[in-house]
């Protein structure tokens, strides 16, 4: 039960910061511990919780969002 709560808190930080590395820094944990907690939650819930993107994919999405905002202006 305590591990589940810790994993949920870790998940919340990953969502808040948008990356494992930033969440790890915030929680004073290693990125591998963050990954472990997310993996545990995903296994327990039998579903993927996060969309994992490469930096190239993130850059592409950011650029598309900028283009969309500009077209709405």
N, C-alpha and C. Protein backbone atom coordinates (compact mmCIF):
# COMPACT_ATOMS: atom_id res chain seq x y z
N UNK A 1 0.82 -1.20 0.00
CA UNK A 1 0.00 0.00 0.00
C UNK A 1 0.86 1.26 0.00
N UNK A 2 1.87 1.30 0.88
CA UNK A 2 2.75 2.46 0.93
C UNK A 2 3.48 2.63 -0.40
N UNK A 3 3.94 1.52 -0.98
CA UNK A 3 4.62 1.59 -2.28
C UNK A 3 3.69 2.14 -3.36
N UNK A 4 2.42 1.75 -3.30
CA UNK A 4 1.45 2.26 -4.28
C UNK A 4 1.30 3.77 -4.15
N UNK A 5 1.23 4.26 -2.93
CA UNK A 5 1.12 5.70 -2.71
C UNK A 5 2.37 6.43 -3.19
N UNK A 6 3.52 5.85 -2.93
CA UNK A 6 4.78 6.45 -3.39
C UNK A 6 4.79 6.49 -4.92
N UNK A 7 4.38 5.39 -5.54
CA UNK A 7 4.35 5.34 -7.01
C UNK A 7 3.39 6.37 -7.59
N UNK A 8 2.25 6.56 -6.93
CA UNK A 8 1.29 7.57 -7.40
C UNK A 8 1.86 8.98 -7.25
N UNK A 9 2.59 9.21 -6.17
CA UNK A 9 3.22 10.52 -5.98
C UNK A 9 4.30 10.75 -7.04
N UNK A 10 5.05 9.71 -7.35
CA UNK A 10 6.07 9.80 -8.40
C UNK A 10 5.39 10.10 -9.74
N UNK A 11 4.31 9.39 -10.04
CA UNK A 11 3.58 9.63 -11.28
C UNK A 11 3.11 11.08 -11.38
N UNK A 12 2.58 11.60 -10.29
CA UNK A 12 2.11 12.99 -10.27
C UNK A 12 3.25 13.96 -10.58
N UNK A 13 4.43 13.69 -10.05
CA UNK A 13 5.58 14.57 -10.32
C UNK A 13 6.02 14.46 -11.78
N UNK A 14 5.98 13.27 -12.34
CA UNK A 14 6.35 13.10 -13.75
C UNK A 14 5.38 13.90 -14.63
N UNK A 15 4.11 13.83 -14.32
CA UNK A 15 3.11 14.60 -15.09
C UNK A 15 3.34 16.09 -14.88
N UNK A 16 3.58 16.48 -13.66
CA UNK A 16 3.79 17.90 -13.34
C UNK A 16 4.98 18.48 -14.11
N UNK A 17 6.09 17.76 -14.12
CA UNK A 17 7.30 18.27 -14.75
C UNK A 17 7.46 17.86 -16.21
N UNK A 18 6.75 16.84 -16.63
CA UNK A 18 6.82 16.43 -18.03
C UNK A 18 8.00 15.57 -18.40
N UNK A 19 8.78 15.15 -17.41
CA UNK A 19 9.91 14.26 -17.72
C UNK A 19 10.33 13.48 -16.47
N UNK A 20 10.90 12.32 -16.73
CA UNK A 20 11.42 11.50 -15.63
C UNK A 20 12.57 12.21 -14.95
N UNK A 21 13.44 12.80 -15.75
CA UNK A 21 14.64 13.44 -15.19
C UNK A 21 14.27 14.60 -14.25
N UNK A 22 13.36 15.44 -14.68
CA UNK A 22 12.95 16.57 -13.83
C UNK A 22 12.23 16.10 -12.57
N UNK A 23 11.39 15.08 -12.71
CA UNK A 23 10.70 14.53 -11.54
C UNK A 23 11.71 13.92 -10.58
N UNK A 24 12.70 13.24 -11.12
CA UNK A 24 13.73 12.62 -10.28
C UNK A 24 14.48 13.68 -9.49
N UNK A 25 14.81 14.76 -10.16
CA UNK A 25 15.53 15.85 -9.49
C UNK A 25 14.67 16.45 -8.37
N UNK A 26 13.39 16.66 -8.65
CA UNK A 26 12.47 17.23 -7.68
C UNK A 26 12.32 16.34 -6.44
N UNK A 27 12.30 15.03 -6.67
CA UNK A 27 12.09 14.07 -5.59
C UNK A 27 13.39 13.54 -4.99
N UNK A 28 14.52 14.01 -5.51
CA UNK A 28 15.84 13.53 -5.06
C UNK A 28 15.97 12.01 -5.23
N UNK A 29 15.52 11.54 -6.39
CA UNK A 29 15.63 10.13 -6.75
C UNK A 29 16.36 10.03 -8.09
N UNK A 30 16.79 8.84 -8.44
CA UNK A 30 17.41 8.65 -9.75
C UNK A 30 16.31 8.43 -10.79
N UNK A 31 16.60 8.75 -12.06
CA UNK A 31 15.61 8.49 -13.11
C UNK A 31 15.21 7.01 -13.17
N UNK A 32 16.13 6.11 -12.84
CA UNK A 32 15.79 4.68 -12.88
C UNK A 32 14.76 4.32 -11.79
N UNK A 33 14.82 4.98 -10.65
CA UNK A 33 13.82 4.75 -9.60
C UNK A 33 12.47 5.30 -10.05
N UNK A 34 12.48 6.43 -10.72
CA UNK A 34 11.24 6.98 -11.28
C UNK A 34 10.64 5.98 -12.26
N UNK A 35 11.46 5.47 -13.15
CA UNK A 35 11.01 4.49 -14.13
C UNK A 35 10.43 3.25 -13.46
N UNK A 36 11.08 2.79 -12.40
CA UNK A 36 10.60 1.63 -11.65
C UNK A 36 9.18 1.89 -11.11
N UNK A 37 8.97 3.04 -10.50
CA UNK A 37 7.66 3.34 -9.93
C UNK A 37 6.58 3.42 -11.01
N UNK A 38 6.91 4.04 -12.12
CA UNK A 38 5.93 4.14 -13.22
C UNK A 38 5.62 2.74 -13.76
N UNK A 39 6.64 1.94 -13.93
CA UNK A 39 6.46 0.57 -14.41
C UNK A 39 5.58 -0.24 -13.46
N UNK A 40 5.79 -0.07 -12.17
CA UNK A 40 4.98 -0.78 -11.17
C UNK A 40 3.51 -0.38 -11.28
N UNK A 41 3.25 0.91 -11.42
CA UNK A 41 1.86 1.37 -11.57
C UNK A 41 1.24 0.83 -12.86
N UNK A 42 1.99 0.90 -13.95
CA UNK A 42 1.46 0.42 -15.22
C UNK A 42 1.14 -1.07 -15.16
N UNK A 43 1.99 -1.83 -14.49
CA UNK A 43 1.75 -3.27 -14.34
C UNK A 43 0.52 -3.52 -13.48
N UNK A 44 0.45 -2.83 -12.37
CA UNK A 44 -0.68 -3.01 -11.45
C UNK A 44 -2.01 -2.64 -12.11
N UNK A 45 -2.00 -1.57 -12.91
CA UNK A 45 -3.22 -1.10 -13.57
C UNK A 45 -3.44 -1.73 -14.94
N UNK A 46 -2.44 -2.47 -15.40
CA UNK A 46 -2.49 -3.15 -16.70
C UNK A 46 -2.77 -2.18 -17.85
N UNK A 47 -2.08 -1.03 -17.81
CA UNK A 47 -2.24 -0.04 -18.87
C UNK A 47 -1.03 0.89 -18.90
N UNK A 48 -0.77 1.45 -20.06
CA UNK A 48 0.28 2.46 -20.17
C UNK A 48 -0.27 3.78 -19.62
N UNK A 49 0.51 4.44 -18.79
CA UNK A 49 0.07 5.69 -18.19
C UNK A 49 0.63 6.92 -18.89
N UNK A 50 1.75 6.76 -19.55
CA UNK A 50 2.42 7.90 -20.17
C UNK A 50 2.76 7.60 -21.62
N UNK A 51 2.70 8.62 -22.44
CA UNK A 51 3.17 8.52 -23.81
C UNK A 51 4.64 8.90 -23.79
N UNK A 52 5.49 7.96 -24.14
CA UNK A 52 6.92 8.21 -24.09
C UNK A 52 7.40 8.67 -25.46
N UNK A 53 7.93 9.89 -25.52
CA UNK A 53 8.37 10.49 -26.77
C UNK A 53 9.86 10.78 -26.75
N UNK A 54 10.46 10.68 -27.92
CA UNK A 54 11.86 11.09 -28.05
C UNK A 54 11.92 12.62 -28.09
N UNK A 55 13.10 13.18 -27.92
CA UNK A 55 13.25 14.63 -28.00
C UNK A 55 12.86 15.14 -29.38
N UNK A 56 13.16 14.37 -30.41
CA UNK A 56 12.80 14.75 -31.78
C UNK A 56 11.27 14.85 -31.91
N UNK A 57 10.55 13.89 -31.33
CA UNK A 57 9.09 13.93 -31.37
C UNK A 57 8.54 15.13 -30.60
N UNK A 58 9.12 15.41 -29.43
CA UNK A 58 8.69 16.56 -28.64
C UNK A 58 8.91 17.86 -29.40
N UNK A 59 10.07 17.98 -30.05
CA UNK A 59 10.37 19.18 -30.84
C UNK A 59 9.35 19.34 -31.98
N UNK A 60 9.02 18.25 -32.64
CA UNK A 60 8.06 18.28 -33.74
C UNK A 60 6.69 18.74 -33.23
N UNK A 61 6.25 18.18 -32.10
CA UNK A 61 4.96 18.57 -31.54
C UNK A 61 4.94 20.04 -31.13
N UNK A 62 6.04 20.51 -30.57
CA UNK A 62 6.14 21.91 -30.17
C UNK A 62 6.02 22.81 -31.39
N UNK A 63 6.70 22.44 -32.46
CA UNK A 63 6.65 23.23 -33.69
C UNK A 63 5.25 23.25 -34.27
N UNK A 64 4.59 22.10 -34.28
CA UNK A 64 3.21 22.03 -34.80
C UNK A 64 2.27 22.88 -33.95
N UNK A 65 2.45 22.88 -32.64
CA UNK A 65 1.61 23.69 -31.75
C UNK A 65 1.82 25.18 -32.04
N UNK A 66 3.07 25.58 -32.28
CA UNK A 66 3.36 26.98 -32.61
C UNK A 66 2.67 27.37 -33.91
N UNK A 67 2.76 26.50 -34.90
CA UNK A 67 2.12 26.78 -36.19
C UNK A 67 0.61 26.91 -36.02
N UNK A 68 0.02 26.06 -35.20
CA UNK A 68 -1.42 26.11 -34.97
C UNK A 68 -1.82 27.41 -34.30
N UNK A 69 -1.06 27.83 -33.29
CA UNK A 69 -1.35 29.11 -32.60
C UNK A 69 -1.24 30.27 -33.58
N UNK A 70 -0.23 30.25 -34.43
CA UNK A 70 -0.06 31.35 -35.39
C UNK A 70 -1.20 31.39 -36.38
N UNK A 71 -1.69 30.22 -36.79
CA UNK A 71 -2.79 30.21 -37.76
C UNK A 71 -4.11 30.69 -37.14
N UNK A 72 -4.21 30.60 -35.83
CA UNK A 72 -5.42 31.06 -35.14
C UNK A 72 -5.39 32.55 -34.87
N UNK A 73 -4.23 33.17 -34.98
CA UNK A 73 -4.10 34.60 -34.69
C UNK A 73 -4.61 35.47 -35.82
